[in-house]
Amino acid sequence: MKVEFTLDVLKPHSPDSYLVAQGLMTLEGVSRVRIKVEELDQKTASLQIHIEGNNLSLEDITEKLASLNCAVHSLDEVICEEFD
């Protein structure tokens, strides 16, 4: 099953968004990661992370983000699509 998640995430300035995307790409089933910076302040960045792939585990994604010092504020969108 193809799955897409859109997450609202808060992270410190380090690691940068590119390293977060690379970390998420290492997860099983992930085929695409898109990160958009929504807001930036002195110490943190609010991100919108869109992640796509096959049979993704939201638990694995949130654990990977936590290991990168990122906090998931909310799961804003879920799309599931079954292949024929």
PDB file of N, CA and C in Angstrom:
ATOM      1  N   MET A   1       0.834  -1.167   0.000  1.00  0.00           N
ATOM      2  CA  MET A   1       0.000   0.000   0.000  1.00  0.00           C
ATOM      3  C   MET A   1       0.889   1.244   0.000  1.00  0.00           C
ATOM      4  N   LYS A   2       0.579   2.182  -0.873  1.00  0.00           N
ATOM      5  CA  LYS A   2       1.290   3.459  -0.891  1.00  0.00           C
ATOM      6  C   LYS A   2       0.715   4.332   0.224  1.00  0.00           C
ATOM      7  N   VAL A   3       1.601   4.948   0.991  1.00  0.00           N
ATOM      8  CA  VAL A   3       1.208   5.782   2.123  1.00  0.00           C
ATOM      9  C   VAL A   3       1.922   7.128   2.027  1.00  0.00           C
ATOM     10  N   GLU A   4       1.196   8.194   2.380  1.00  0.00           N
ATOM     11  CA  GLU A   4       1.785   9.533   2.469  1.00  0.00           C
ATOM     12  C   GLU A   4       1.365  10.138   3.805  1.00  0.00           C
ATOM     13  N   PHE A   5       2.322  10.734   4.495  1.00  0.00           N
ATOM     14  CA  PHE A   5       2.056  11.437   5.746  1.00  0.00           C
ATOM     15  C   PHE A   5       2.534  12.878   5.600  1.00  0.00           C
ATOM     16  N   THR A   6       1.768  13.803   6.166  1.00  0.00           N
ATOM     17  CA  THR A   6       2.217  15.181   6.309  1.00  0.00           C
ATOM     18  C   THR A   6       2.245  15.481   7.799  1.00  0.00           C
ATOM     19  N   LEU A   7       3.424  15.859   8.287  1.00  0.00           N
ATOM     20  CA  LEU A   7       3.652  16.078   9.711  1.00  0.00           C
ATOM     21  C   LEU A   7       4.047  17.523   9.986  1.00  0.00           C
ATOM     22  N   ASP A   8       3.583  18.049  11.107  1.00  0.00           N
ATOM     23  CA  ASP A   8       4.027  19.347  11.614  1.00  0.00           C
ATOM     24  C   ASP A   8       5.091  19.036  12.658  1.00  0.00           C
ATOM     25  N   VAL A   9       6.318  19.509  12.424  1.00  0.00           N
ATOM     26  CA  VAL A   9       7.466  19.116  13.236  1.00  0.00           C
ATOM     27  C   VAL A   9       8.232  20.355  13.691  1.00  0.00           C
ATOM     28  N   LEU A  10       8.697  20.328  14.935  1.00  0.00           N
ATOM     29  CA  LEU A  10       9.558  21.379  15.476  1.00  0.00           C
ATOM     30  C   LEU A  10      10.952  20.805  15.650  1.00  0.00           C
ATOM     31  N   LYS A  11      11.961  21.523  15.173  1.00  0.00           N
ATOM     32  CA  LYS A  11      13.339  21.057  15.321  1.00  0.00           C
ATOM     33  C   LYS A  11      14.253  22.219  15.682  1.00  0.00           C
ATOM     34  N   PRO A  12      15.366  21.920  16.359  1.00  0.00           N
ATOM     35  CA  PRO A  12      16.377  22.962  16.582  1.00  0.00           C
ATOM     36  C   PRO A  12      17.069  23.271  15.255  1.00  0.00           C
ATOM     37  N   HIS A  13      17.855  24.332  15.224  1.00  0.00           N
ATOM     38  CA  HIS A  13      18.543  24.699  13.981  1.00  0.00           C
ATOM     39  C   HIS A  13      19.489  23.603  13.492  1.00  0.00           C
ATOM     40  N   SER A  14      20.002  22.815  14.416  1.00  0.00           N
ATOM     41  CA  SER A  14      20.877  21.714  14.028  1.00  0.00           C
ATOM     42  C   SER A  14      20.245  20.417  14.506  1.00  0.00           C
ATOM     43  N   PRO A  15      20.087  19.424  13.675  1.00  0.00           N
ATOM     44  CA  PRO A  15      20.601  19.301  12.313  1.00  0.00           C
ATOM     45  C   PRO A  15      19.752  20.107  11.329  1.00  0.00           C
ATOM     46  N   ASP A  16      20.350  20.396  10.175  1.00  0.00           N
ATOM     47  CA  ASP A  16      19.606  21.154   9.183  1.00  0.00           C
ATOM     48  C   ASP A  16      18.580  20.252   8.492  1.00  0.00           C
ATOM     49  N   SER A  17      17.697  20.851   7.731  1.00  0.00           N
ATOM     50  CA  SER A  17      16.596  20.118   7.098  1.00  0.00           C
ATOM     51  C   SER A  17      17.086  19.034   6.148  1.00  0.00           C
ATOM     52  N   TYR A  18      18.192  19.292   5.487  1.00  0.00           N
ATOM     53  CA  TYR A  18      18.739  18.300   4.558  1.00  0.00           C
ATOM     54  C   TYR A  18      19.133  17.016   5.299  1.00  0.00           C
ATOM     55  N   LEU A  19      19.751  17.160   6.467  1.00  0.00           N
ATOM     56  CA  LEU A  19      20.134  15.982   7.245  1.00  0.00           C
ATOM     57  C   LEU A  19      18.915  15.243   7.784  1.00  0.00           C
ATOM     58  N   VAL A  20      17.855  15.979   8.124  1.00  0.00           N
ATOM     59  CA  VAL A  20      16.612  15.340   8.556  1.00  0.00           C
ATOM     60  C   VAL A  20      16.029  14.531   7.397  1.00  0.00           C
ATOM     61  N   ALA A  21      16.000  15.118   6.214  1.00  0.00           N
ATOM     62  CA  ALA A  21      15.479  14.415   5.030  1.00  0.00           C
ATOM     63  C   ALA A  21      16.303  13.165   4.745  1.00  0.00           C
ATOM     64  N   GLN A  22      17.621  13.282   4.816  1.00  0.00           N
ATOM     65  CA  GLN A  22      18.484  12.117   4.588  1.00  0.00           C
ATOM     66  C   GLN A  22      18.204  11.021   5.609  1.00  0.00           C
ATOM     67  N   GLY A  23      18.022  11.405   6.857  1.00  0.00           N
ATOM     68  CA  GLY A  23      17.722  10.429   7.899  1.00  0.00           C
ATOM     69  C   GLY A  23      16.411   9.704   7.638  1.00  0.00           C
ATOM     70  N   LEU A  24      15.398  10.434   7.213  1.00  0.00           N
ATOM     71  CA  LEU A  24      14.109   9.818   6.919  1.00  0.00           C
ATOM     72  C   LEU A  24      14.193   8.894   5.702  1.00  0.00           C
ATOM     73  N   MET A  25      15.045   9.227   4.748  1.00  0.00           N
ATOM     74  CA  MET A  25      15.188   8.390   3.546  1.00  0.00           C
ATOM     75  C   MET A  25      15.798   7.030   3.868  1.00  0.00           C
ATOM     76  N   THR A  26      16.443   6.896   5.024  1.00  0.00           N
ATOM     77  CA  THR A  26      17.035   5.607   5.385  1.00  0.00           C
ATOM     78  C   THR A  26      15.998   4.605   5.894  1.00  0.00           C
ATOM     79  N   LEU A  27      14.785   5.076   6.179  1.00  0.00           N
ATOM     80  CA  LEU A  27      13.748   4.186   6.707  1.00  0.00           C
ATOM     81  C   LEU A  27      13.208   3.269   5.616  1.00  0.00           C
ATOM     82  N   GLU A  28      12.869   2.059   6.025  1.00  0.00           N
ATOM     83  CA  GLU A  28      12.350   1.066   5.084  1.00  0.00           C
ATOM     84  C   GLU A  28      11.058   1.559   4.425  1.00  0.00           C
ATOM     85  N   GLY A  29      11.007   1.473   3.105  1.00  0.00           N
ATOM     86  CA  GLY A  29       9.813   1.811   2.349  1.00  0.00           C
ATOM     87  C   GLY A  29       9.714   3.250   1.896  1.00  0.00           C
ATOM     88  N   VAL A  30      10.555   4.144   2.429  1.00  0.00           N
ATOM     89  CA  VAL A  30      10.464   5.562   2.081  1.00  0.00           C
ATOM     90  C   VAL A  30      11.017   5.783   0.679  1.00  0.00           C
ATOM     91  N   SER A  31      10.219   6.470  -0.148  1.00  0.00           N
ATOM     92  CA  SER A  31      10.662   6.764  -1.508  1.00  0.00           C
ATOM     93  C   SER A  31      10.821   8.257  -1.769  1.00  0.00           C
ATOM     94  N   ARG A  32      10.194   9.095  -0.932  1.00  0.00           N
ATOM     95  CA  ARG A  32      10.291  10.542  -1.156  1.00  0.00           C
ATOM     96  C   ARG A  32      10.053  11.284   0.146  1.00  0.00           C
ATOM     97  N   VAL A  33      10.853  12.336   0.368  1.00  0.00           N
ATOM     98  CA  VAL A  33      10.695  13.212   1.524  1.00  0.00           C
ATOM     99  C   VAL A  33      10.743  14.654   1.032  1.00  0.00           C
ATOM    100  N   ARG A  34       9.764  15.442   1.447  1.00  0.00           N
ATOM    101  CA  ARG A  34       9.757  16.883   1.124  1.00  0.00           C
ATOM    102  C   ARG A  34       9.618  17.642   2.439  1.00  0.00           C
ATOM    103  N   ILE A  35      10.521  18.594   2.663  1.00  0.00           N
ATOM    104  CA  ILE A  35      10.493  19.396   3.893  1.00  0.00           C
ATOM    105  C   ILE A  35      10.361  20.864   3.512  1.00  0.00           C
ATOM    106  N   LYS A  36       9.397  21.511   4.140  1.00  0.00           N
ATOM    107  CA  LYS A  36       9.178  22.941   3.931  1.00  0.00           C
ATOM    108  C   LYS A  36       9.283  23.642   5.277  1.00  0.00           C
ATOM    109  N   VAL A  37      10.104  24.682   5.351  1.00  0.00           N
ATOM    110  CA  VAL A  37      10.226  25.469   6.582  1.00  0.00           C
ATOM    111  C   VAL A  37       9.049  26.435   6.631  1.00  0.00           C
ATOM    112  N   GLU A  38       8.232  26.278   7.664  1.00  0.00           N
ATOM    113  CA  GLU A  38       7.047  27.116   7.824  1.00  0.00           C
ATOM    114  C   GLU A  38       7.355  28.383   8.629  1.00  0.00           C
ATOM    115  N   GLU A  39       8.216  28.232   9.633  1.00  0.00           N
ATOM    116  CA  GLU A  39       8.542  29.355  10.508  1.00  0.00           C
ATOM    117  C   GLU A  39       9.922  29.126  11.097  1.00  0.00           C
ATOM    118  N   LEU A  40      10.655  30.205  11.258  1.00  0.00           N
ATOM    119  CA  LEU A  40      12.019  30.134  11.782  1.00  0.00           C
ATOM    120  C   LEU A  40      12.154  31.178  12.875  1.00  0.00           C
ATOM    121  N   ASP A  41      12.640  30.764  14.052  1.00  0.00           N
ATOM    122  CA  ASP A  41      12.939  31.745  15.092  1.00  0.00           C
ATOM    123  C   ASP A  41      14.389  31.582  15.528  1.00  0.00           C
ATOM    124  N   GLN A  42      14.769  32.175  16.638  1.00  0.00           N
ATOM    125  CA  GLN A  42      16.172  32.184  17.035  1.00  0.00           C
ATOM    126  C   GLN A  42      16.731  30.808  17.336  1.00  0.00           C
ATOM    127  N   LYS A  43      15.904  29.896  17.864  1.00  0.00           N
ATOM    128  CA  LYS A  43      16.414  28.599  18.292  1.00  0.00           C
ATOM    129  C   LYS A  43      15.809  27.406  17.555  1.00  0.00           C
ATOM    130  N   THR A  44      14.638  27.577  16.952  1.00  0.00           N
ATOM    131  CA  THR A  44      13.947  26.441  16.347  1.00  0.00           C
ATOM    132  C   THR A  44      13.388  26.772  14.970  1.00  0.00           C
ATOM    133  N   ALA A  45      12.999  25.720  14.279  1.00  0.00           N
ATOM    134  CA  ALA A  45      12.327  25.842  12.991  1.00  0.00           C
ATOM    135  C   ALA A  45      11.082  24.961  13.026  1.00  0.00           C
ATOM    136  N   SER A  46       9.984  25.489  12.534  1.00  0.00           N
ATOM    137  CA  SER A  46       8.761  24.706  12.360  1.00  0.00           C
ATOM    138  C   SER A  46       8.739  24.207  10.928  1.00  0.00           C
ATOM    139  N   LEU A  47       8.586  22.896  10.780  1.00  0.00           N
ATOM    140  CA  LEU A  47       8.663  22.280   9.467  1.00  0.00           C
ATOM    141  C   LEU A  47       7.353  21.587   9.124  1.00  0.00           C
ATOM    142  N   GLN A  48       7.071  21.541   7.835  1.00  0.00           N
ATOM    143  CA  GLN A  48       6.041  20.659   7.311  1.00  0.00           C
ATOM    144  C   GLN A  48       6.795  19.568   6.557  1.00  0.00           C
ATOM    145  N   ILE A  49       6.648  18.334   7.011  1.00  0.00           N
ATOM    146  CA  ILE A  49       7.347  17.217   6.391  1.00  0.00           C
ATOM    147  C   ILE A  49       6.321  16.321   5.713  1.00  0.00           C
ATOM    148  N   HIS A  50       6.535  16.105   4.425  1.00  0.00           N
ATOM    149  CA  HIS A  50       5.697  15.200   3.640  1.00  0.00           C
ATOM    150  C   HIS A  50       6.568  14.008   3.278  1.00  0.00           C
ATOM    151  N   ILE A  51       6.113  12.819   3.660  1.00  0.00           N
ATOM    152  CA  ILE A  51       6.903  11.607   3.437  1.00  0.00           C
ATOM    153  C   ILE A  51       6.026  10.573   2.734  1.00  0.00           C
ATOM    154  N   GLU A  52       6.580   9.961   1.684  1.00  0.00           N
ATOM    155  CA  GLU A  52       5.836   9.000   0.872  1.00  0.00           C
ATOM    156  C   GLU A  52       6.600   7.691   0.773  1.00  0.00           C
ATOM    157  N   GLY A  53       5.848   6.609   0.588  1.00  0.00           N
ATOM    158  CA  GLY A  53       6.477   5.320   0.370  1.00  0.00           C
ATOM    159  C   GLY A  53       5.494   4.182   0.482  1.00  0.00           C
ATOM    160  N   ASN A  54       6.027   2.974   0.503  1.00  0.00           N
ATOM    161  CA  ASN A  54       5.217   1.760   0.586  1.00  0.00           C
ATOM    162  C   ASN A  54       5.256   1.200   2.001  1.00  0.00           C
ATOM    163  N   ASN A  55       4.059   0.950   2.545  1.00  0.00           N
ATOM    164  CA  ASN A  55       3.913   0.318   3.863  1.00  0.00           C
ATOM    165  C   ASN A  55       4.726   1.032   4.938  1.00  0.00           C
ATOM    166  N   LEU A  56       4.615   2.344   4.984  1.00  0.00           N
ATOM    167  CA  LEU A  56       5.371   3.132   5.959  1.00  0.00           C
ATOM    168  C   LEU A  56       4.846   2.922   7.369  1.00  0.00           C
ATOM    169  N   SER A  57       5.745   3.004   8.329  1.00  0.00           N
ATOM    170  CA  SER A  57       5.399   2.905   9.738  1.00  0.00           C
ATOM    171  C   SER A  57       5.511   4.290  10.367  1.00  0.00           C
ATOM    172  N   LEU A  58       4.379   4.820  10.837  1.00  0.00           N
ATOM    173  CA  LEU A  58       4.403   6.120  11.493  1.00  0.00           C
ATOM    174  C   LEU A  58       5.263   6.070  12.756  1.00  0.00           C
ATOM    175  N   GLU A  59       5.253   4.938  13.433  1.00  0.00           N
ATOM    176  CA  GLU A  59       6.076   4.779  14.637  1.00  0.00           C
ATOM    177  C   GLU A  59       7.564   4.888  14.296  1.00  0.00           C
ATOM    178  N   ASP A  60       7.996   4.236  13.219  1.00  0.00           N
ATOM    179  CA  ASP A  60       9.398   4.325  12.796  1.00  0.00           C
ATOM    180  C   ASP A  60       9.771   5.756  12.425  1.00  0.00           C
ATOM    181  N   ILE A  61       8.857   6.446  11.764  1.00  0.00           N
ATOM    182  CA  ILE A  61       9.108   7.837  11.358  1.00  0.00           C
ATOM    183  C   ILE A  61       9.267   8.728  12.576  1.00  0.00           C
ATOM    184  N   THR A  62       8.353   8.612  13.548  1.00  0.00           N
ATOM    185  CA  THR A  62       8.447   9.471  14.734  1.00  0.00           C
ATOM    186  C   THR A  62       9.674   9.137  15.575  1.00  0.00           C
ATOM    187  N   GLU A  63      10.054   7.849  15.630  1.00  0.00           N
ATOM    188  CA  GLU A  63      11.277   7.479  16.348  1.00  0.00           C
ATOM    189  C   GLU A  63      12.513   8.062  15.677  1.00  0.00           C
ATOM    190  N   LYS A  64      12.555   8.012  14.346  1.00  0.00           N
ATOM    191  CA  LYS A  64      13.700   8.576  13.615  1.00  0.00           C
ATOM    192  C   LYS A  64      13.768  10.083  13.851  1.00  0.00           C
ATOM    193  N   LEU A  65      12.630  10.764  13.791  1.00  0.00           N
ATOM    194  CA  LEU A  65      12.623  12.209  14.033  1.00  0.00           C
ATOM    195  C   LEU A  65      13.081  12.524  15.457  1.00  0.00           C
ATOM    196  N   ALA A  66      12.639  11.751  16.431  1.00  0.00           N
ATOM    197  CA  ALA A  66      13.061  11.967  17.818  1.00  0.00           C
ATOM    198  C   ALA A  66      14.570  11.789  17.953  1.00  0.00           C
ATOM    199  N   SER A  67      15.136  10.815  17.223  1.00  0.00           N
ATOM    200  CA  SER A  67      16.588  10.596  17.282  1.00  0.00           C
ATOM    201  C   SER A  67      17.355  11.768  16.667  1.00  0.00           C
ATOM    202  N   LEU A  68      16.667  12.565  15.862  1.00  0.00           N
ATOM    203  CA  LEU A  68      17.272  13.753  15.238  1.00  0.00           C
ATOM    204  C   LEU A  68      16.895  15.031  15.994  1.00  0.00           C
ATOM    205  N   ASN A  69      16.424  14.884  17.239  1.00  0.00           N
ATOM    206  CA  ASN A  69      16.022  16.002  18.107  1.00  0.00           C
ATOM    207  C   ASN A  69      14.848  16.796  17.554  1.00  0.00           C
ATOM    208  N   CYS A  70      13.970  16.124  16.824  1.00  0.00           N
ATOM    209  CA  CYS A  70      12.768  16.756  16.274  1.00  0.00           C
ATOM    210  C   CYS A  70      11.551  16.262  17.049  1.00  0.00           C
ATOM    211  N   ALA A  71      10.579  17.157  17.240  1.00  0.00           N
ATOM    212  CA  ALA A  71       9.346  16.810  17.940  1.00  0.00           C
ATOM    213  C   ALA A  71       8.168  16.924  16.980  1.00  0.00           C
ATOM    214  N   VAL A  72       7.390  15.851  16.874  1.00  0.00           N
ATOM    215  CA  VAL A  72       6.206  15.877  16.022  1.00  0.00           C
ATOM    216  C   VAL A  72       5.076  16.550  16.794  1.00  0.00           C
ATOM    217  N   HIS A  73       4.577  17.664  16.249  1.00  0.00           N
ATOM    218  CA  HIS A  73       3.452  18.360  16.878  1.00  0.00           C
ATOM    219  C   HIS A  73       2.125  17.742  16.479  1.00  0.00           C
ATOM    220  N   SER A  74       1.997  17.390  15.184  1.00  0.00           N
ATOM    221  CA  SER A  74       0.738  16.812  14.737  1.00  0.00           C
ATOM    222  C   SER A  74       0.928  16.057  13.432  1.00  0.00           C
ATOM    223  N   LEU A  75       0.008  15.140  13.211  1.00  0.00           N
ATOM    224  CA  LEU A  75      -0.115  14.437  11.937  1.00  0.00           C
ATOM    225  C   LEU A  75      -1.236  15.152  11.209  1.00  0.00           C
ATOM    226  N   ASP A  76      -0.890  15.919  10.178  1.00  0.00           N
ATOM    227  CA  ASP A  76      -1.854  16.788   9.521  1.00  0.00           C
ATOM    228  C   ASP A  76      -2.587  16.136   8.355  1.00  0.00           C
ATOM    229  N   GLU A  77      -1.978  15.123   7.753  1.00  0.00           N
ATOM    230  CA  GLU A  77      -2.633  14.486   6.609  1.00  0.00           C
ATOM    231  C   GLU A  77      -2.120  13.059   6.454  1.00  0.00           C
ATOM    232  N   VAL A  78      -3.020  12.165   6.093  1.00  0.00           N
ATOM    233  CA  VAL A  78      -2.675  10.776   5.787  1.00  0.00           C
ATOM    234  C   VAL A  78      -3.380  10.425   4.484  1.00  0.00           C
ATOM    235  N   ILE A  79      -2.629   9.842   3.559  1.00  0.00           N
ATOM    236  CA  ILE A  79      -3.202   9.330   2.319  1.00  0.00           C
ATOM    237  C   ILE A  79      -2.738   7.892   2.176  1.00  0.00           C
ATOM    238  N   CYS A  80      -3.681   6.987   1.975  1.00  0.00           N
ATOM    239  CA  CYS A  80      -3.369   5.585   1.727  1.00  0.00           C
ATOM    240  C   CYS A  80      -3.961   5.211   0.379  1.00  0.00           C
ATOM    241  N   GLU A  81      -3.163   4.503  -0.423  1.00  0.00           N
ATOM    242  CA  GLU A  81      -3.617   4.113  -1.748  1.00  0.00           C
ATOM    243  C   GLU A  81      -3.221   2.668  -1.990  1.00  0.00           C
ATOM    244  N   GLU A  82      -4.180   1.868  -2.360  1.00  0.00           N
ATOM    245  CA  GLU A  82      -3.930   0.456  -2.651  1.00  0.00           C
ATOM    246  C   GLU A  82      -3.601   0.313  -4.121  1.00  0.00           C
ATOM    247  N   PHE A  83      -2.572  -0.505  -4.401  1.00  0.00           N
ATOM    248  CA  PHE A  83      -2.198  -0.774  -5.781  1.00  0.00           C
ATOM    249  C   PHE A  83      -3.008  -1.945  -6.310  1.00  0.00           C
ATOM    250  N   ASP A  84      -3.285  -1.926  -7.615  1.00  0.00           N
ATOM    251  CA  ASP A  84      -4.010  -3.041  -8.251  1.00  0.00           C
ATOM    252  C   ASP A  84      -3.099  -4.188  -8.541  1.00  0.00           C
TER     253      ASP A  84
END
